[in-house]
């Protein structure tokens, strides 16, 4: 048996890369009549890392407008924050609703 090495192989094929930036998703908190505003402020501070002033302003906006964007993230991060918010709210007995929306 002989072992041959091919060094003159040429590739004529060129790969075209169509790279697009990952999509972003808005995490939206929805107003309800049973979740206390203090709870929403706490969620915005703990989960979404807003400062106290911004969290209070956003909570008032959610209360008056019916919904508000807590943050904009990649899908995985948005999904994780959504799950964390829902789990914490249900464990505390609150029906706070959250939805994801593509930006």
PDB file of N, CA and C in Angstrom:
ATOM      1  N   UNK A   1       0.832  -1.185   0.000  1.00  0.00           N
ATOM      2  CA  UNK A   1       0.000   0.000   0.000  1.00  0.00           C
ATOM      3  C   UNK A   1       0.866   1.233   0.000  1.00  0.00           C
ATOM      4  N   UNK A   2       0.433   2.176  -0.772  1.00  0.00           N
ATOM      5  CA  UNK A   2       1.178   3.425  -0.788  1.00  0.00           C
ATOM      6  C   UNK A   2       0.312   4.544  -0.252  1.00  0.00           C
ATOM      7  N   UNK A   3       0.956   5.458   0.321  1.00  0.00           N
ATOM      8  CA  UNK A   3       0.238   6.589   0.879  1.00  0.00           C
ATOM      9  C   UNK A   3       0.591   7.823   0.062  1.00  0.00           C
ATOM     10  N   UNK A   4      -0.443   8.434  -0.540  1.00  0.00           N
ATOM     11  CA  UNK A   4      -0.203   9.616  -1.377  1.00  0.00           C
ATOM     12  C   UNK A   4      -0.765  10.856  -0.684  1.00  0.00           C
ATOM     13  N   UNK A   5      -0.115  11.959  -0.912  1.00  0.00           N
ATOM     14  CA  UNK A   5      -0.571  13.229  -0.354  1.00  0.00           C
ATOM     15  C   UNK A   5      -0.939  14.143  -1.504  1.00  0.00           C
ATOM     16  N   UNK A   6      -2.116  14.714  -1.408  1.00  0.00           N
ATOM     17  CA  UNK A   6      -2.561  15.628  -2.455  1.00  0.00           C
ATOM     18  C   UNK A   6      -2.409  17.052  -1.944  1.00  0.00           C
ATOM     19  N   UNK A   7      -1.528  17.792  -2.553  1.00  0.00           N
ATOM     20  CA  UNK A   7      -1.288  19.162  -2.126  1.00  0.00           C
ATOM     21  C   UNK A   7      -1.821  20.171  -3.126  1.00  0.00           C
ATOM     22  N   UNK A   8      -2.314  19.717  -4.234  1.00  0.00           N
ATOM     23  CA  UNK A   8      -2.775  20.648  -5.255  1.00  0.00           C
ATOM     24  C   UNK A   8      -4.303  20.675  -5.379  1.00  0.00           C
ATOM     25  N   UNK A   9      -4.991  20.466  -4.300  1.00  0.00           N
ATOM     26  CA  UNK A   9      -6.446  20.515  -4.312  1.00  0.00           C
ATOM     27  C   UNK A   9      -6.871  21.981  -4.211  1.00  0.00           C
ATOM     28  N   UNK A  10      -7.782  22.375  -5.096  1.00  0.00           N
ATOM     29  CA  UNK A  10      -8.278  23.754  -5.101  1.00  0.00           C
ATOM     30  C   UNK A  10      -9.774  23.745  -4.848  1.00  0.00           C
ATOM     31  N   UNK A  11     -10.182  24.669  -4.053  1.00  0.00           N
ATOM     32  CA  UNK A  11     -11.616  24.817  -3.805  1.00  0.00           C
ATOM     33  C   UNK A  11     -12.104  26.033  -4.581  1.00  0.00           C
ATOM     34  N   UNK A  12     -13.050  25.800  -5.466  1.00  0.00           N
ATOM     35  CA  UNK A  12     -13.612  26.891  -6.250  1.00  0.00           C
ATOM     36  C   UNK A  12     -14.862  27.476  -5.596  1.00  0.00           C
ATOM     37  N   UNK A  13     -15.314  26.830  -4.562  1.00  0.00           N
ATOM     38  CA  UNK A  13     -16.546  27.241  -3.901  1.00  0.00           C
ATOM     39  C   UNK A  13     -16.245  28.317  -2.860  1.00  0.00           C
ATOM     40  N   UNK A  14     -17.025  29.373  -2.917  1.00  0.00           N
ATOM     41  CA  UNK A  14     -16.898  30.437  -1.924  1.00  0.00           C
ATOM     42  C   UNK A  14     -18.190  30.476  -1.127  1.00  0.00           C
ATOM     43  N   UNK A  15     -18.044  30.584   0.155  1.00  0.00           N
ATOM     44  CA  UNK A  15     -19.209  30.639   1.025  1.00  0.00           C
ATOM     45  C   UNK A  15     -19.574  32.092   1.282  1.00  0.00           C
ATOM     46  N   UNK A  16     -20.829  32.392   1.049  1.00  0.00           N
ATOM     47  CA  UNK A  16     -21.301  33.736   1.317  1.00  0.00           C
ATOM     48  C   UNK A  16     -21.941  33.740   2.704  1.00  0.00           C
ATOM     49  N   UNK A  17     -21.451  34.598   3.549  1.00  0.00           N
ATOM     50  CA  UNK A  17     -21.980  34.678   4.909  1.00  0.00           C
ATOM     51  C   UNK A  17     -23.020  35.793   4.974  1.00  0.00           C
ATOM     52  N   UNK A  18     -24.184  35.420   5.398  1.00  0.00           N
ATOM     53  CA  UNK A  18     -25.255  36.381   5.586  1.00  0.00           C
ATOM     54  C   UNK A  18     -25.525  36.472   7.081  1.00  0.00           C
ATOM     55  N   UNK A  19     -24.705  37.246   7.747  1.00  0.00           N
ATOM     56  CA  UNK A  19     -24.793  37.349   9.203  1.00  0.00           C
ATOM     57  C   UNK A  19     -25.669  38.542   9.561  1.00  0.00           C
ATOM     58  N   UNK A  20     -26.663  38.267  10.384  1.00  0.00           N
ATOM     59  CA  UNK A  20     -27.554  39.318  10.842  1.00  0.00           C
ATOM     60  C   UNK A  20     -27.448  39.414  12.358  1.00  0.00           C
ATOM     61  N   UNK A  21     -27.566  40.612  12.892  1.00  0.00           N
ATOM     62  CA  UNK A  21     -27.516  40.729  14.350  1.00  0.00           C
ATOM     63  C   UNK A  21     -28.718  40.010  14.954  1.00  0.00           C
ATOM     64  N   UNK A  22     -28.573  39.478  16.162  1.00  0.00           N
ATOM     65  CA  UNK A  22     -29.697  38.776  16.785  1.00  0.00           C
ATOM     66  C   UNK A  22     -30.856  39.736  17.049  1.00  0.00           C
ATOM     67  N   UNK A  23     -32.045  39.198  16.964  1.00  0.00           N
ATOM     68  CA  UNK A  23     -33.229  40.007  17.214  1.00  0.00           C
ATOM     69  C   UNK A  23     -33.319  40.321  18.703  1.00  0.00           C
ATOM     70  N   UNK A  24     -33.931  41.440  19.005  1.00  0.00           N
ATOM     71  CA  UNK A  24     -34.145  41.858  20.386  1.00  0.00           C
ATOM     72  C   UNK A  24     -35.625  41.712  20.723  1.00  0.00           C
ATOM     73  N   UNK A  25     -35.890  41.472  22.003  1.00  0.00           N
ATOM     74  CA  UNK A  25     -37.254  41.267  22.475  1.00  0.00           C
ATOM     75  C   UNK A  25     -37.554  42.178  23.652  1.00  0.00           C
ATOM     76  N   UNK A  26     -38.747  42.759  23.626  1.00  0.00           N
ATOM     77  CA  UNK A  26     -39.202  43.611  24.725  1.00  0.00           C
ATOM     78  C   UNK A  26     -39.909  42.736  25.756  1.00  0.00           C
ATOM     79  N   UNK A  27     -39.577  42.948  27.016  1.00  0.00           N
ATOM     80  CA  UNK A  27     -40.299  42.316  28.115  1.00  0.00           C
ATOM     81  C   UNK A  27     -41.304  43.356  28.600  1.00  0.00           C
ATOM     82  N   UNK A  28     -42.581  43.023  28.466  1.00  0.00           N
ATOM     83  CA  UNK A  28     -43.642  43.970  28.764  1.00  0.00           C
ATOM     84  C   UNK A  28     -44.432  43.491  29.982  1.00  0.00           C
ATOM     85  N   UNK A  29     -44.546  44.366  30.973  1.00  0.00           N
ATOM     86  CA  UNK A  29     -45.368  44.073  32.152  1.00  0.00           C
ATOM     87  C   UNK A  29     -46.758  44.652  31.912  1.00  0.00           C
ATOM     88  N   UNK A  30     -47.781  43.866  32.260  1.00  0.00           N
ATOM     89  CA  UNK A  30     -49.170  44.282  32.048  1.00  0.00           C
ATOM     90  C   UNK A  30     -49.830  44.634  33.377  1.00  0.00           C
ATOM     91  N   UNK A  31     -50.605  45.695  33.355  1.00  0.00           N
ATOM     92  CA  UNK A  31     -51.295  46.141  34.559  1.00  0.00           C
ATOM     93  C   UNK A  31     -52.421  45.180  34.924  1.00  0.00           C
ATOM     94  N   UNK A  32     -52.631  44.998  36.212  1.00  0.00           N
ATOM     95  CA  UNK A  32     -53.801  44.276  36.710  1.00  0.00           C
ATOM     96  C   UNK A  32     -54.227  44.945  38.010  1.00  0.00           C
ATOM     97  N   UNK A  33     -55.379  44.587  38.492  1.00  0.00           N
ATOM     98  CA  UNK A  33     -55.933  45.250  39.680  1.00  0.00           C
ATOM     99  C   UNK A  33     -55.531  44.580  40.994  1.00  0.00           C
ATOM    100  N   UNK A  34     -54.820  43.469  40.941  1.00  0.00           N
ATOM    101  CA  UNK A  34     -54.523  42.731  42.176  1.00  0.00           C
ATOM    102  C   UNK A  34     -53.048  42.746  42.574  1.00  0.00           C
ATOM    103  N   UNK A  35     -52.151  43.026  41.652  1.00  0.00           N
ATOM    104  CA  UNK A  35     -50.728  43.056  41.990  1.00  0.00           C
ATOM    105  C   UNK A  35     -50.385  44.443  42.542  1.00  0.00           C
ATOM    106  N   UNK A  36     -49.871  44.522  43.760  1.00  0.00           N
ATOM    107  CA  UNK A  36     -49.535  45.828  44.347  1.00  0.00           C
ATOM    108  C   UNK A  36     -48.419  46.531  43.565  1.00  0.00           C
ATOM    109  N   UNK A  37     -48.526  47.829  43.527  1.00  0.00           N
ATOM    110  CA  UNK A  37     -47.516  48.617  42.818  1.00  0.00           C
ATOM    111  C   UNK A  37     -46.143  48.441  43.459  1.00  0.00           C
ATOM    112  N   UNK A  38     -46.107  48.247  44.770  1.00  0.00           N
ATOM    113  CA  UNK A  38     -44.826  48.044  45.458  1.00  0.00           C
ATOM    114  C   UNK A  38     -44.139  46.773  44.948  1.00  0.00           C
ATOM    115  N   UNK A  39     -44.946  45.763  44.649  1.00  0.00           N
ATOM    116  CA  UNK A  39     -44.386  44.509  44.130  1.00  0.00           C
ATOM    117  C   UNK A  39     -43.756  44.740  42.757  1.00  0.00           C
ATOM    118  N   UNK A  40     -44.456  45.492  41.912  1.00  0.00           N
ATOM    119  CA  UNK A  40     -43.958  45.781  40.570  1.00  0.00           C
ATOM    120  C   UNK A  40     -42.658  46.585  40.657  1.00  0.00           C
ATOM    121  N   UNK A  41     -42.628  47.558  41.537  1.00  0.00           N
ATOM    122  CA  UNK A  41     -41.396  48.340  41.742  1.00  0.00           C
ATOM    123  C   UNK A  41     -40.251  47.407  42.143  1.00  0.00           C
ATOM    124  N   UNK A  42     -40.519  46.505  43.080  1.00  0.00           N
ATOM    125  CA  UNK A  42     -39.496  45.555  43.527  1.00  0.00           C
ATOM    126  C   UNK A  42     -39.004  44.648  42.404  1.00  0.00           C
ATOM    127  N   UNK A  43     -39.924  44.166  41.576  1.00  0.00           N
ATOM    128  CA  UNK A  43     -39.541  43.316  40.437  1.00  0.00           C
ATOM    129  C   UNK A  43     -38.652  44.104  39.474  1.00  0.00           C
ATOM    130  N   UNK A  44     -39.031  45.342  39.201  1.00  0.00           N
ATOM    131  CA  UNK A  44     -38.241  46.166  38.277  1.00  0.00           C
ATOM    132  C   UNK A  44     -36.838  46.433  38.814  1.00  0.00           C
ATOM    133  N   UNK A  45     -36.716  46.540  40.119  1.00  0.00           N
ATOM    134  CA  UNK A  45     -35.397  46.761  40.729  1.00  0.00           C
ATOM    135  C   UNK A  45     -34.593  45.464  40.765  1.00  0.00           C
ATOM    136  N   UNK A  46     -35.201  44.395  41.260  1.00  0.00           N
ATOM    137  CA  UNK A  46     -34.483  43.134  41.464  1.00  0.00           C
ATOM    138  C   UNK A  46     -34.204  42.365  40.172  1.00  0.00           C
ATOM    139  N   UNK A  47     -35.197  42.224  39.331  1.00  0.00           N
ATOM    140  CA  UNK A  47     -35.054  41.404  38.124  1.00  0.00           C
ATOM    141  C   UNK A  47     -34.486  42.208  36.953  1.00  0.00           C
ATOM    142  N   UNK A  48     -35.006  43.433  36.786  1.00  0.00           N
ATOM    143  CA  UNK A  48     -34.636  44.223  35.605  1.00  0.00           C
ATOM    144  C   UNK A  48     -33.575  45.280  35.883  1.00  0.00           C
ATOM    145  N   UNK A  49     -33.132  45.372  37.120  1.00  0.00           N
ATOM    146  CA  UNK A  49     -32.012  46.234  37.539  1.00  0.00           C
ATOM    147  C   UNK A  49     -32.237  47.720  37.292  1.00  0.00           C
ATOM    148  N   UNK A  50     -33.496  48.165  37.442  1.00  0.00           N
ATOM    149  CA  UNK A  50     -33.774  49.597  37.372  1.00  0.00           C
ATOM    150  C   UNK A  50     -33.443  50.223  38.726  1.00  0.00           C
ATOM    151  N   UNK A  51     -33.120  51.516  38.726  1.00  0.00           N
ATOM    152  CA  UNK A  51     -32.950  52.187  40.009  1.00  0.00           C
ATOM    153  C   UNK A  51     -34.337  52.518  40.563  1.00  0.00           C
ATOM    154  N   UNK A  52     -34.401  52.923  41.810  1.00  0.00           N
ATOM    155  CA  UNK A  52     -35.671  53.143  42.504  1.00  0.00           C
ATOM    156  C   UNK A  52     -36.548  54.168  41.772  1.00  0.00           C
ATOM    157  N   UNK A  53     -35.966  55.271  41.362  1.00  0.00           N
ATOM    158  CA  UNK A  53     -36.735  56.333  40.697  1.00  0.00           C
ATOM    159  C   UNK A  53     -37.323  55.845  39.377  1.00  0.00           C
ATOM    160  N   UNK A  54     -36.499  55.203  38.564  1.00  0.00           N
ATOM    161  CA  UNK A  54     -36.958  54.694  37.263  1.00  0.00           C
ATOM    162  C   UNK A  54     -38.021  53.618  37.447  1.00  0.00           C
ATOM    163  N   UNK A  55     -37.832  52.755  38.437  1.00  0.00           N
ATOM    164  CA  UNK A  55     -38.803  51.688  38.693  1.00  0.00           C
ATOM    165  C   UNK A  55     -40.156  52.275  39.088  1.00  0.00           C
ATOM    166  N   UNK A  56     -40.159  53.302  39.915  1.00  0.00           N
ATOM    167  CA  UNK A  56     -41.420  53.939  40.321  1.00  0.00           C
ATOM    168  C   UNK A  56     -42.099  54.630  39.143  1.00  0.00           C
ATOM    169  N   UNK A  57     -41.310  55.319  38.315  1.00  0.00           N
ATOM    170  CA  UNK A  57     -41.873  55.985  37.138  1.00  0.00           C
ATOM    171  C   UNK A  57     -42.466  54.965  36.166  1.00  0.00           C
ATOM    172  N   UNK A  58     -41.753  53.888  35.933  1.00  0.00           N
ATOM    173  CA  UNK A  58     -42.234  52.855  35.021  1.00  0.00           C
ATOM    174  C   UNK A  58     -43.483  52.175  35.574  1.00  0.00           C
ATOM    175  N   UNK A  59     -43.518  51.942  36.873  1.00  0.00           N
ATOM    176  CA  UNK A  59     -44.697  51.342  37.496  1.00  0.00           C
ATOM    177  C   UNK A  59     -45.916  52.237  37.312  1.00  0.00           C
ATOM    178  N   UNK A  60     -45.763  53.539  37.494  1.00  0.00           N
ATOM    179  CA  UNK A  60     -46.874  54.473  37.279  1.00  0.00           C
ATOM    180  C   UNK A  60     -47.323  54.453  35.820  1.00  0.00           C
ATOM    181  N   UNK A  61     -46.382  54.345  34.915  1.00  0.00           N
ATOM    182  CA  UNK A  61     -46.704  54.269  33.488  1.00  0.00           C
ATOM    183  C   UNK A  61     -47.493  52.989  33.177  1.00  0.00           C
ATOM    184  N   UNK A  62     -47.058  51.877  33.767  1.00  0.00           N
ATOM    185  CA  UNK A  62     -47.770  50.603  33.576  1.00  0.00           C
ATOM    186  C   UNK A  62     -49.189  50.731  34.121  1.00  0.00           C
ATOM    187  N   UNK A  63     -49.311  51.366  35.270  1.00  0.00           N
ATOM    188  CA  UNK A  63     -50.618  51.523  35.915  1.00  0.00           C
ATOM    189  C   UNK A  63     -51.557  52.399  35.076  1.00  0.00           C
ATOM    190  N   UNK A  64     -51.050  53.491  34.542  1.00  0.00           N
ATOM    191  CA  UNK A  64     -51.907  54.425  33.803  1.00  0.00           C
ATOM    192  C   UNK A  64     -52.101  54.024  32.339  1.00  0.00           C
ATOM    193  N   UNK A  65     -51.083  53.449  31.719  1.00  0.00           N
ATOM    194  CA  UNK A  65     -51.156  53.100  30.295  1.00  0.00           C
ATOM    195  C   UNK A  65     -51.619  51.664  30.053  1.00  0.00           C
ATOM    196  N   UNK A  66     -51.548  50.822  31.067  1.00  0.00           N
ATOM    197  CA  UNK A  66     -51.968  49.432  30.923  1.00  0.00           C
ATOM    198  C   UNK A  66     -50.827  48.459  30.692  1.00  0.00           C
ATOM    199  N   UNK A  67     -49.679  48.975  30.273  1.00  0.00           N
ATOM    200  CA  UNK A  67     -48.494  48.125  30.085  1.00  0.00           C
ATOM    201  C   UNK A  67     -47.266  49.014  29.961  1.00  0.00           C
ATOM    202  N   UNK A  68     -46.101  48.389  30.105  1.00  0.00           N
ATOM    203  CA  UNK A  68     -44.850  49.129  29.971  1.00  0.00           C
ATOM    204  C   UNK A  68     -43.694  48.183  29.735  1.00  0.00           C
ATOM    205  N   UNK A  69     -42.701  48.679  29.018  1.00  0.00           N
ATOM    206  CA  UNK A  69     -41.525  47.877  28.680  1.00  0.00           C
ATOM    207  C   UNK A  69     -40.540  47.910  29.844  1.00  0.00           C
ATOM    208  N   UNK A  70     -40.294  46.736  30.417  1.00  0.00           N
ATOM    209  CA  UNK A  70     -39.351  46.630  31.533  1.00  0.00           C
ATOM    210  C   UNK A  70     -37.914  46.597  31.034  1.00  0.00           C
ATOM    211  N   UNK A  71     -37.719  46.090  29.815  1.00  0.00           N
ATOM    212  CA  UNK A  71     -36.380  46.017  29.248  1.00  0.00           C
ATOM    213  C   UNK A  71     -36.402  45.374  27.874  1.00  0.00           C
ATOM    214  N   UNK A  72     -35.288  45.535  27.153  1.00  0.00           N
ATOM    215  CA  UNK A  72     -35.130  44.966  25.811  1.00  0.00           C
ATOM    216  C   UNK A  72     -33.858  44.137  25.817  1.00  0.00           C
ATOM    217  N   UNK A  73     -33.997  42.856  25.423  1.00  0.00           N
ATOM    218  CA  UNK A  73     -32.895  41.905  25.553  1.00  0.00           C
ATOM    219  C   UNK A  73     -32.887  40.925  24.379  1.00  0.00           C
ATOM    220  N   UNK A  74     -31.823  40.130  24.337  1.00  0.00           N
ATOM    221  CA  UNK A  74     -31.815  38.993  23.414  1.00  0.00           C
ATOM    222  C   UNK A  74     -32.918  38.038  23.865  1.00  0.00           C
ATOM    223  N   UNK A  75     -33.331  37.125  22.997  1.00  0.00           N
ATOM    224  CA  UNK A  75     -34.454  36.244  23.327  1.00  0.00           C
ATOM    225  C   UNK A  75     -34.205  35.462  24.611  1.00  0.00           C
ATOM    226  N   UNK A  76     -33.015  34.889  24.751  1.00  0.00           N
ATOM    227  CA  UNK A  76     -32.727  34.042  25.913  1.00  0.00           C
ATOM    228  C   UNK A  76     -32.811  34.823  27.212  1.00  0.00           C
ATOM    229  N   UNK A  77     -32.257  36.024  27.218  1.00  0.00           N
ATOM    230  CA  UNK A  77     -32.285  36.852  28.429  1.00  0.00           C
ATOM    231  C   UNK A  77     -33.716  37.306  28.712  1.00  0.00           C
ATOM    232  N   UNK A  78     -34.441  37.723  27.677  1.00  0.00           N
ATOM    233  CA  UNK A  78     -35.830  38.159  27.849  1.00  0.00           C
ATOM    234  C   UNK A  78     -36.688  37.023  28.393  1.00  0.00           C
ATOM    235  N   UNK A  79     -36.501  35.835  27.866  1.00  0.00           N
ATOM    236  CA  UNK A  79     -37.263  34.673  28.331  1.00  0.00           C
ATOM    237  C   UNK A  79     -36.939  34.351  29.791  1.00  0.00           C
ATOM    238  N   UNK A  80     -35.671  34.430  30.146  1.00  0.00           N
ATOM    239  CA  UNK A  80     -35.245  34.154  31.514  1.00  0.00           C
ATOM    240  C   UNK A  80     -35.846  35.165  32.492  1.00  0.00           C
ATOM    241  N   UNK A  81     -35.805  36.449  32.141  1.00  0.00           N
ATOM    242  CA  UNK A  81     -36.360  37.481  33.021  1.00  0.00           C
ATOM    243  C   UNK A  81     -37.880  37.357  33.122  1.00  0.00           C
ATOM    244  N   UNK A  82     -38.521  36.965  32.028  1.00  0.00           N
ATOM    245  CA  UNK A  82     -39.963  36.741  32.048  1.00  0.00           C
ATOM    246  C   UNK A  82     -40.312  35.611  33.008  1.00  0.00           C
ATOM    247  N   UNK A  83     -39.605  34.496  32.879  1.00  0.00           N
ATOM    248  CA  UNK A  83     -39.854  33.352  33.759  1.00  0.00           C
ATOM    249  C   UNK A  83     -39.584  33.680  35.225  1.00  0.00           C
ATOM    250  N   UNK A  84     -38.502  34.410  35.474  1.00  0.00           N
ATOM    251  CA  UNK A  84     -38.163  34.793  36.846  1.00  0.00           C
ATOM    252  C   UNK A  84     -39.258  35.683  37.447  1.00  0.00           C
ATOM    253  N   UNK A  85     -39.759  36.626  36.657  1.00  0.00           N
ATOM    254  CA  UNK A  85     -40.808  37.534  37.119  1.00  0.00           C
ATOM    255  C   UNK A  85     -42.096  36.781  37.412  1.00  0.00           C
ATOM    256  N   UNK A  86     -42.507  35.910  36.506  1.00  0.00           N
ATOM    257  CA  UNK A  86     -43.747  35.157  36.685  1.00  0.00           C
ATOM    258  C   UNK A  86     -43.641  34.218  37.893  1.00  0.00           C
ATOM    259  N   UNK A  87     -42.528  33.519  38.008  1.00  0.00           N
ATOM    260  CA  UNK A  87     -42.343  32.588  39.123  1.00  0.00           C
ATOM    261  C   UNK A  87     -42.387  33.313  40.468  1.00  0.00           C
ATOM    262  N   UNK A  88     -41.654  34.411  40.580  1.00  0.00           N
ATOM    263  CA  UNK A  88     -41.635  35.170  41.834  1.00  0.00           C
ATOM    264  C   UNK A  88     -43.027  35.716  42.156  1.00  0.00           C
ATOM    265  N   UNK A  89     -43.723  36.205  41.153  1.00  0.00           N
ATOM    266  CA  UNK A  89     -45.060  36.773  41.367  1.00  0.00           C
ATOM    267  C   UNK A  89     -46.052  35.705  41.805  1.00  0.00           C
ATOM    268  N   UNK A  90     -46.029  34.562  41.153  1.00  0.00           N
ATOM    269  CA  UNK A  90     -46.956  33.482  41.529  1.00  0.00           C
ATOM    270  C   UNK A  90     -46.648  32.960  42.933  1.00  0.00           C
ATOM    271  N   UNK A  91     -45.371  32.841  43.253  1.00  0.00           N
ATOM    272  CA  UNK A  91     -44.982  32.382  44.594  1.00  0.00           C
ATOM    273  C   UNK A  91     -45.443  33.358  45.676  1.00  0.00           C
ATOM    274  N   UNK A  92     -45.535  34.632  45.306  1.00  0.00           N
ATOM    275  CA  UNK A  92     -46.007  35.643  46.260  1.00  0.00           C
ATOM    276  C   UNK A  92     -47.525  35.809  46.210  1.00  0.00           C
ATOM    277  N   UNK A  93     -48.183  35.093  45.299  1.00  0.00           N
ATOM    278  CA  UNK A  93     -49.641  35.146  45.209  1.00  0.00           C
ATOM    279  C   UNK A  93     -50.189  36.252  44.324  1.00  0.00           C
ATOM    280  N   UNK A  94     -49.367  36.779  43.416  1.00  0.00           N
ATOM    281  CA  UNK A  94     -49.807  37.871  42.552  1.00  0.00           C
ATOM    282  C   UNK A  94     -49.955  37.396  41.106  1.00  0.00           C
ATOM    283  N   UNK A  95     -50.975  37.915  40.393  1.00  0.00           N
ATOM    284  CA  UNK A  95     -51.225  37.484  39.012  1.00  0.00           C
ATOM    285  C   UNK A  95     -50.514  38.326  37.947  1.00  0.00           C
ATOM    286  N   UNK A  96     -49.432  38.996  38.309  1.00  0.00           N
ATOM    287  CA  UNK A  96     -48.730  39.859  37.357  1.00  0.00           C
ATOM    288  C   UNK A  96     -48.476  39.116  36.048  1.00  0.00           C
ATOM    289  N   UNK A  97     -48.882  39.737  34.941  1.00  0.00           N
ATOM    290  CA  UNK A  97     -48.686  39.125  33.625  1.00  0.00           C
ATOM    291  C   UNK A  97     -47.539  39.811  32.899  1.00  0.00           C
ATOM    292  N   UNK A  98     -46.811  39.005  32.131  1.00  0.00           N
ATOM    293  CA  UNK A  98     -45.653  39.483  31.385  1.00  0.00           C
ATOM    294  C   UNK A  98     -45.734  38.902  29.989  1.00  0.00           C
ATOM    295  N   UNK A  99     -45.365  39.678  28.987  1.00  0.00           N
ATOM    296  CA  UNK A  99     -45.315  39.133  27.640  1.00  0.00           C
ATOM    297  C   UNK A  99     -44.034  39.580  26.946  1.00  0.00           C
ATOM    298  N   UNK A 100     -43.626  38.772  25.961  1.00  0.00           N
ATOM    299  CA  UNK A 100     -42.467  39.089  25.127  1.00  0.00           C
ATOM    300  C   UNK A 100     -42.975  39.558  23.780  1.00  0.00           C
ATOM    301  N   UNK A 101     -42.287  40.546  23.239  1.00  0.00           N
ATOM    302  CA  UNK A 101     -42.653  41.055  21.931  1.00  0.00           C
ATOM    303  C   UNK A 101     -41.380  41.375  21.165  1.00  0.00           C
ATOM    304  N   UNK A 102     -41.308  40.907  19.928  1.00  0.00           N
ATOM    305  CA  UNK A 102     -40.126  41.187  19.115  1.00  0.00           C
ATOM    306  C   UNK A 102     -40.059  42.672  18.833  1.00  0.00           C
ATOM    307  N   UNK A 103     -38.863  43.234  18.944  1.00  0.00           N
ATOM    308  CA  UNK A 103     -38.688  44.665  18.718  1.00  0.00           C
ATOM    309  C   UNK A 103     -38.729  44.971  17.240  1.00  0.00           C
TER     310      UNK A 103
END
